[in-house]
């Protein structure tokens, strides 16, 4: 389980960085829409990282 969570966290980090890079090329409403996606990915990564920390203790 721990390894699966680590992989999920790394995948989410990659998705976050990729989306953030794409967002820098957008403007207006499209940039705002992608920001919402980025924020959702950040939240998911935070939850996964919290589970990683919790399973260590």
PDB file of N, CA and C in Angstrom:
ATOM      1  N   UNK A   1       0.828  -1.198   0.000  1.00  0.00           N
ATOM      2  CA  UNK A   1       0.000   0.000   0.000  1.00  0.00           C
ATOM      3  C   UNK A   1       0.868   1.255   0.000  1.00  0.00           C
ATOM      4  N   UNK A   2       1.911   1.245   0.811  1.00  0.00           N
ATOM      5  CA  UNK A   2       2.810   2.398   0.913  1.00  0.00           C
ATOM      6  C   UNK A   2       3.415   2.745  -0.457  1.00  0.00           C
ATOM      7  N   UNK A   3       3.868   1.734  -1.178  1.00  0.00           N
ATOM      8  CA  UNK A   3       4.476   1.969  -2.496  1.00  0.00           C
ATOM      9  C   UNK A   3       3.454   2.523  -3.486  1.00  0.00           C
ATOM     10  N   UNK A   4       2.242   2.021  -3.428  1.00  0.00           N
ATOM     11  CA  UNK A   4       1.191   2.516  -4.323  1.00  0.00           C
ATOM     12  C   UNK A   4       0.900   3.985  -4.046  1.00  0.00           C
ATOM     13  N   UNK A   5       0.873   4.359  -2.780  1.00  0.00           N
ATOM     14  CA  UNK A   5       0.644   5.757  -2.419  1.00  0.00           C
ATOM     15  C   UNK A   5       1.788   6.644  -2.890  1.00  0.00           C
ATOM     16  N   UNK A   6       3.013   6.158  -2.772  1.00  0.00           N
ATOM     17  CA  UNK A   6       4.166   6.938  -3.248  1.00  0.00           C
ATOM     18  C   UNK A   6       4.085   7.158  -4.755  1.00  0.00           C
ATOM     19  N   UNK A   7       3.717   6.117  -5.487  1.00  0.00           N
ATOM     20  CA  UNK A   7       3.575   6.245  -6.939  1.00  0.00           C
ATOM     21  C   UNK A   7       2.454   7.225  -7.289  1.00  0.00           C
ATOM     22  N   UNK A   8       1.351   7.147  -6.573  1.00  0.00           N
ATOM     23  CA  UNK A   8       0.237   8.068  -6.821  1.00  0.00           C
ATOM     24  C   UNK A   8       0.664   9.507  -6.560  1.00  0.00           C
ATOM     25  N   UNK A   9       1.415   9.727  -5.493  1.00  0.00           N
ATOM     26  CA  UNK A   9       1.889  11.066  -5.168  1.00  0.00           C
ATOM     27  C   UNK A   9       2.799  11.610  -6.263  1.00  0.00           C
ATOM     28  N   UNK A  10       3.707  10.780  -6.753  1.00  0.00           N
ATOM     29  CA  UNK A  10       4.608  11.215  -7.826  1.00  0.00           C
ATOM     30  C   UNK A  10       3.839  11.505  -9.114  1.00  0.00           C
ATOM     31  N   UNK A  11       2.844  10.677  -9.425  1.00  0.00           N
ATOM     32  CA  UNK A  11       2.035  10.901 -10.614  1.00  0.00           C
ATOM     33  C   UNK A  11       1.269  12.223 -10.497  1.00  0.00           C
ATOM     34  N   UNK A  12       0.695  12.472  -9.322  1.00  0.00           N
ATOM     35  CA  UNK A  12      -0.045  13.715  -9.113  1.00  0.00           C
ATOM     36  C   UNK A  12       0.879  14.929  -9.191  1.00  0.00           C
ATOM     37  N   UNK A  13       2.092  14.792  -8.676  1.00  0.00           N
ATOM     38  CA  UNK A  13       3.062  15.889  -8.769  1.00  0.00           C
ATOM     39  C   UNK A  13       3.371  16.192 -10.233  1.00  0.00           C
ATOM     40  N   UNK A  14       3.568  15.149 -11.030  1.00  0.00           N
ATOM     41  CA  UNK A  14       3.821  15.340 -12.455  1.00  0.00           C
ATOM     42  C   UNK A  14       2.655  16.009 -13.160  1.00  0.00           C
ATOM     43  N   UNK A  15       1.451  15.593 -12.820  1.00  0.00           N
ATOM     44  CA  UNK A  15       0.256  16.199 -13.413  1.00  0.00           C
ATOM     45  C   UNK A  15       0.159  17.672 -13.028  1.00  0.00           C
ATOM     46  N   UNK A  16       0.460  17.964 -11.773  1.00  0.00           N
ATOM     47  CA  UNK A  16       0.419  19.347 -11.289  1.00  0.00           C
ATOM     48  C   UNK A  16       1.435  20.216 -12.032  1.00  0.00           C
ATOM     49  N   UNK A  17       2.662  19.740 -12.158  1.00  0.00           N
ATOM     50  CA  UNK A  17       3.708  20.510 -12.837  1.00  0.00           C
ATOM     51  C   UNK A  17       3.392  20.701 -14.318  1.00  0.00           C
ATOM     52  N   UNK A  18       2.883  19.664 -14.962  1.00  0.00           N
ATOM     53  CA  UNK A  18       2.539  19.755 -16.381  1.00  0.00           C
ATOM     54  C   UNK A  18       1.406  20.752 -16.604  1.00  0.00           C
ATOM     55  N   UNK A  19       0.371  20.647 -15.797  1.00  0.00           N
ATOM     56  CA  UNK A  19      -0.768  21.558 -15.937  1.00  0.00           C
ATOM     57  C   UNK A  19      -0.350  22.994 -15.647  1.00  0.00           C
ATOM     58  N   UNK A  20       0.513  23.183 -14.658  1.00  0.00           N
ATOM     59  CA  UNK A  20       0.988  24.526 -14.326  1.00  0.00           C
ATOM     60  C   UNK A  20       1.777  25.118 -15.493  1.00  0.00           C
ATOM     61  N   UNK A  21       2.578  24.291 -16.150  1.00  0.00           N
ATOM     62  CA  UNK A  21       3.337  24.753 -17.311  1.00  0.00           C
ATOM     63  C   UNK A  21       2.397  25.136 -18.454  1.00  0.00           C
ATOM     64  N   UNK A  22       1.385  24.325 -18.698  1.00  0.00           N
ATOM     65  CA  UNK A  22       0.417  24.622 -19.755  1.00  0.00           C
ATOM     66  C   UNK A  22      -0.334  25.904 -19.433  1.00  0.00           C
ATOM     67  N   UNK A  23      -0.670  26.095 -18.169  1.00  0.00           N
ATOM     68  CA  UNK A  23      -1.441  27.273 -17.758  1.00  0.00           C
ATOM     69  C   UNK A  23      -0.708  28.565 -18.092  1.00  0.00           C
ATOM     70  N   UNK A  24       0.624  28.535 -18.037  1.00  0.00           N
ATOM     71  CA  UNK A  24       1.394  29.749 -18.328  1.00  0.00           C
ATOM     72  C   UNK A  24       1.219  30.197 -19.784  1.00  0.00           C
ATOM     73  N   UNK A  25       0.707  29.321 -20.641  1.00  0.00           N
ATOM     74  CA  UNK A  25       0.484  29.661 -22.047  1.00  0.00           C
ATOM     75  C   UNK A  25      -0.975  30.025 -22.331  1.00  0.00           C
ATOM     76  N   UNK A  26      -1.804  30.010 -21.314  1.00  0.00           N
ATOM     77  CA  UNK A  26      -3.223  30.319 -21.479  1.00  0.00           C
ATOM     78  C   UNK A  26      -3.530  31.682 -20.877  1.00  0.00           C
ATOM     79  N   UNK A  27      -4.708  32.175 -21.181  1.00  0.00           N
ATOM     80  CA  UNK A  27      -5.144  33.431 -20.569  1.00  0.00           C
ATOM     81  C   UNK A  27      -6.650  33.388 -20.354  1.00  0.00           C
ATOM     82  N   UNK A  28      -7.095  34.285 -19.538  1.00  0.00           N
ATOM     83  CA  UNK A  28      -8.521  34.438 -19.309  1.00  0.00           C
ATOM     84  C   UNK A  28      -9.193  33.218 -18.715  1.00  0.00           C
ATOM     85  N   UNK A  29     -10.372  32.929 -19.243  1.00  0.00           N
ATOM     86  CA  UNK A  29     -11.210  31.866 -18.710  1.00  0.00           C
ATOM     87  C   UNK A  29     -10.533  30.503 -18.771  1.00  0.00           C
ATOM     88  N   UNK A  30      -9.804  30.247 -19.849  1.00  0.00           N
ATOM     89  CA  UNK A  30      -9.129  28.951 -19.986  1.00  0.00           C
ATOM     90  C   UNK A  30      -8.076  28.759 -18.899  1.00  0.00           C
ATOM     91  N   UNK A  31      -7.342  29.813 -18.579  1.00  0.00           N
ATOM     92  CA  UNK A  31      -6.347  29.734 -17.504  1.00  0.00           C
ATOM     93  C   UNK A  31      -7.035  29.493 -16.165  1.00  0.00           C
ATOM     94  N   UNK A  32      -8.175  30.136 -15.958  1.00  0.00           N
ATOM     95  CA  UNK A  32      -8.923  29.940 -14.714  1.00  0.00           C
ATOM     96  C   UNK A  32      -9.446  28.510 -14.609  1.00  0.00           C
ATOM     97  N   UNK A  33      -9.923  27.965 -15.708  1.00  0.00           N
ATOM     98  CA  UNK A  33     -10.400  26.580 -15.699  1.00  0.00           C
ATOM     99  C   UNK A  33      -9.270  25.623 -15.340  1.00  0.00           C
ATOM    100  N   UNK A  34      -8.121  25.813 -15.952  1.00  0.00           N
ATOM    101  CA  UNK A  34      -7.001  24.922 -15.666  1.00  0.00           C
ATOM    102  C   UNK A  34      -6.516  25.107 -14.238  1.00  0.00           C
ATOM    103  N   UNK A  35      -6.604  26.323 -13.705  1.00  0.00           N
ATOM    104  CA  UNK A  35      -6.231  26.555 -12.313  1.00  0.00           C
ATOM    105  C   UNK A  35      -7.103  25.693 -11.402  1.00  0.00           C
ATOM    106  N   UNK A  36      -8.381  25.570 -11.712  1.00  0.00           N
ATOM    107  CA  UNK A  36      -9.277  24.722 -10.914  1.00  0.00           C
ATOM    108  C   UNK A  36      -8.823  23.264 -10.954  1.00  0.00           C
ATOM    109  N   UNK A  37      -8.396  22.807 -12.115  1.00  0.00           N
ATOM    110  CA  UNK A  37      -7.881  21.441 -12.237  1.00  0.00           C
ATOM    111  C   UNK A  37      -6.615  21.285 -11.402  1.00  0.00           C
ATOM    112  N   UNK A  38      -5.708  22.253 -11.517  1.00  0.00           N
ATOM    113  CA  UNK A  38      -4.458  22.208 -10.751  1.00  0.00           C
ATOM    114  C   UNK A  38      -4.757  22.161  -9.260  1.00  0.00           C
ATOM    115  N   UNK A  39      -5.686  22.973  -8.827  1.00  0.00           N
ATOM    116  CA  UNK A  39      -6.042  23.014  -7.406  1.00  0.00           C
ATOM    117  C   UNK A  39      -6.590  21.662  -6.948  1.00  0.00           C
ATOM    118  N   UNK A  40      -7.417  21.037  -7.762  1.00  0.00           N
ATOM    119  CA  UNK A  40      -7.944  19.713  -7.424  1.00  0.00           C
ATOM    120  C   UNK A  40      -6.846  18.671  -7.325  1.00  0.00           C
ATOM    121  N   UNK A  41      -5.879  18.745  -8.231  1.00  0.00           N
ATOM    122  CA  UNK A  41      -4.748  17.812  -8.193  1.00  0.00           C
ATOM    123  C   UNK A  41      -3.917  18.058  -6.935  1.00  0.00           C
ATOM    124  N   UNK A  42      -3.704  19.330  -6.579  1.00  0.00           N
ATOM    125  CA  UNK A  42      -2.963  19.653  -5.355  1.00  0.00           C
ATOM    126  C   UNK A  42      -3.665  19.085  -4.127  1.00  0.00           C
ATOM    127  N   UNK A  43      -4.973  19.215  -4.094  1.00  0.00           N
ATOM    128  CA  UNK A  43      -5.737  18.678  -2.961  1.00  0.00           C
ATOM    129  C   UNK A  43      -5.618  17.161  -2.896  1.00  0.00           C
ATOM    130  N   UNK A  44      -5.734  16.507  -4.040  1.00  0.00           N
ATOM    131  CA  UNK A  44      -5.606  15.047  -4.073  1.00  0.00           C
ATOM    132  C   UNK A  44      -4.216  14.620  -3.616  1.00  0.00           C
ATOM    133  N   UNK A  45      -3.204  15.334  -4.075  1.00  0.00           N
ATOM    134  CA  UNK A  45      -1.831  14.999  -3.668  1.00  0.00           C
ATOM    135  C   UNK A  45      -1.644  15.202  -2.166  1.00  0.00           C
ATOM    136  N   UNK A  46      -2.240  16.247  -1.626  1.00  0.00           N
ATOM    137  CA  UNK A  46      -2.169  16.472  -0.188  1.00  0.00           C
ATOM    138  C   UNK A  46      -2.793  15.331   0.597  1.00  0.00           C
ATOM    139  N   UNK A  47      -3.914  14.830   0.120  1.00  0.00           N
ATOM    140  CA  UNK A  47      -4.567  13.696   0.785  1.00  0.00           C
ATOM    141  C   UNK A  47      -3.713  12.439   0.704  1.00  0.00           C
ATOM    142  N   UNK A  48      -3.142  12.178  -0.470  1.00  0.00           N
ATOM    143  CA  UNK A  48      -2.284  11.001  -0.635  1.00  0.00           C
ATOM    144  C   UNK A  48      -1.055  11.119   0.261  1.00  0.00           C
ATOM    145  N   UNK A  49      -0.445  12.297   0.286  1.00  0.00           N
ATOM    146  CA  UNK A  49       0.737  12.492   1.129  1.00  0.00           C
ATOM    147  C   UNK A  49       0.400  12.336   2.610  1.00  0.00           C
ATOM    148  N   UNK A  50      -0.786  12.774   3.008  1.00  0.00           N
ATOM    149  CA  UNK A  50      -1.215  12.583   4.397  1.00  0.00           C
ATOM    150  C   UNK A  50      -1.381  11.100   4.710  1.00  0.00           C
ATOM    151  N   UNK A  51      -1.905  10.339   3.764  1.00  0.00           N
ATOM    152  CA  UNK A  51      -2.033   8.891   3.960  1.00  0.00           C
ATOM    153  C   UNK A  51      -0.664   8.228   4.064  1.00  0.00           C
ATOM    154  N   UNK A  52       0.294   8.697   3.279  1.00  0.00           N
ATOM    155  CA  UNK A  52       1.655   8.160   3.360  1.00  0.00           C
ATOM    156  C   UNK A  52       2.213   8.388   4.757  1.00  0.00           C
ATOM    157  N   UNK A  53       2.056   9.597   5.251  1.00  0.00           N
ATOM    158  CA  UNK A  53       2.550   9.935   6.588  1.00  0.00           C
ATOM    159  C   UNK A  53       1.843   9.114   7.652  1.00  0.00           C
ATOM    160  N   UNK A  54       0.526   8.957   7.514  1.00  0.00           N
ATOM    161  CA  UNK A  54      -0.264   8.216   8.501  1.00  0.00           C
ATOM    162  C   UNK A  54       0.117   6.740   8.538  1.00  0.00           C
ATOM    163  N   UNK A  55       0.397   6.156   7.382  1.00  0.00           N
ATOM    164  CA  UNK A  55       0.718   4.730   7.362  1.00  0.00           C
ATOM    165  C   UNK A  55       2.121   4.446   7.884  1.00  0.00           C
ATOM    166  N   UNK A  56       2.949   5.481   7.985  1.00  0.00           N
ATOM    167  CA  UNK A  56       4.296   5.307   8.549  1.00  0.00           C
ATOM    168  C   UNK A  56       4.256   5.186  10.062  1.00  0.00           C
ATOM    169  N   UNK A  57       3.238   5.779  10.673  1.00  0.00           N
ATOM    170  CA  UNK A  57       3.174   5.792  12.145  1.00  0.00           C
ATOM    171  C   UNK A  57       2.354   4.652  12.683  1.00  0.00           C
TER     172      UNK A  57
END
